[in-house]
């Protein structure tokens, strides 16, 4: 059941990104990557994940200009 929920959520996320502009995709991709990196660097800390996501989103937004 948990696997089905994850697959459904992933599919809905992918489908929702098809209507985004390049800048929005850059921001979302940067936030996702930054969150993963922040989580990894801080050993799973929630604060590290949030800070990484915010920083990654900002960088992704700036690079996609």
Protein backbone atom coordinates (compact mmCIF):
# COMPACT_ATOMS: atom_id res chain seq x y z
CA UNK A 1 0.00 0.00 0.00
CA UNK A 2 2.81 2.40 0.90
CA UNK A 3 4.49 1.72 -2.45
CA UNK A 4 1.26 2.53 -4.30
CA UNK A 5 0.94 5.85 -2.49
CA UNK A 6 4.53 6.79 -3.33
CA UNK A 7 4.09 5.86 -6.99
CA UNK A 8 0.82 7.79 -7.21
CA UNK A 9 2.31 10.87 -5.55
CA UNK A 10 5.33 10.74 -7.88
CA UNK A 11 3.12 10.43 -10.93
CA UNK A 12 0.95 13.36 -9.86
CA UNK A 13 4.05 15.46 -9.22
CA UNK A 14 5.49 14.70 -12.65
CA UNK A 15 2.18 15.46 -14.35
CA UNK A 16 1.83 18.76 -12.51
CA UNK A 17 5.29 19.87 -13.66
CA UNK A 18 4.37 19.58 -17.35
CA UNK A 19 2.58 22.95 -17.19
CA UNK A 20 5.54 24.77 -15.63
CA UNK A 21 7.85 27.24 -17.29
CA UNK A 22 11.58 26.59 -17.45
CA UNK A 23 12.15 28.95 -14.55
CA UNK A 24 9.60 27.14 -12.37
CA UNK A 25 11.14 23.79 -13.28
CA UNK A 26 14.58 25.11 -12.36
CA UNK A 27 13.28 26.31 -9.00
CA UNK A 28 11.49 23.04 -8.25
CA UNK A 29 14.44 20.92 -9.36
CA UNK A 30 16.88 23.00 -7.37
CA UNK A 31 14.70 22.79 -4.27
CA UNK A 32 14.40 19.01 -4.58
CA UNK A 33 18.12 18.53 -5.11
CA UNK A 34 19.01 21.00 -2.37
CA UNK A 35 16.69 19.24 0.08
CA UNK A 36 18.32 15.90 -0.63
CA UNK A 37 21.81 17.35 -0.26
CA UNK A 38 20.88 19.24 2.92
CA UNK A 39 19.37 16.10 4.40
CA UNK A 40 22.45 14.07 3.55
CA UNK A 41 24.94 16.59 4.88
CA UNK A 42 23.18 17.03 8.20
CA UNK A 43 22.40 13.37 8.82
CA UNK A 44 18.65 13.67 8.29
CA UNK A 45 18.08 16.93 10.14
CA UNK A 46 14.80 18.65 9.30
CA UNK A 47 16.43 22.08 9.50
CA UNK A 48 19.21 20.98 7.16
CA UNK A 49 16.66 19.66 4.67
CA UNK A 50 14.69 22.92 4.74
CA UNK A 51 17.75 25.13 4.42
CA UNK A 52 19.06 22.97 1.58
CA UNK A 53 15.72 23.13 -0.23
CA UNK A 54 15.47 26.90 0.10
CA UNK A 55 19.05 27.39 -1.06
CA UNK A 56 18.66 24.93 -3.91
CA UNK A 57 15.42 26.56 -5.01
CA UNK A 58 17.07 29.96 -5.09
CA UNK A 59 20.06 28.69 -7.04
CA UNK A 60 17.83 26.80 -9.47
CA UNK A 61 15.73 29.91 -10.00
CA UNK A 62 18.77 32.06 -10.72
CA UNK A 63 20.38 29.53 -13.07
CA UNK A 64 17.21 29.11 -15.12
CA UNK A 65 16.98 32.82 -16.02
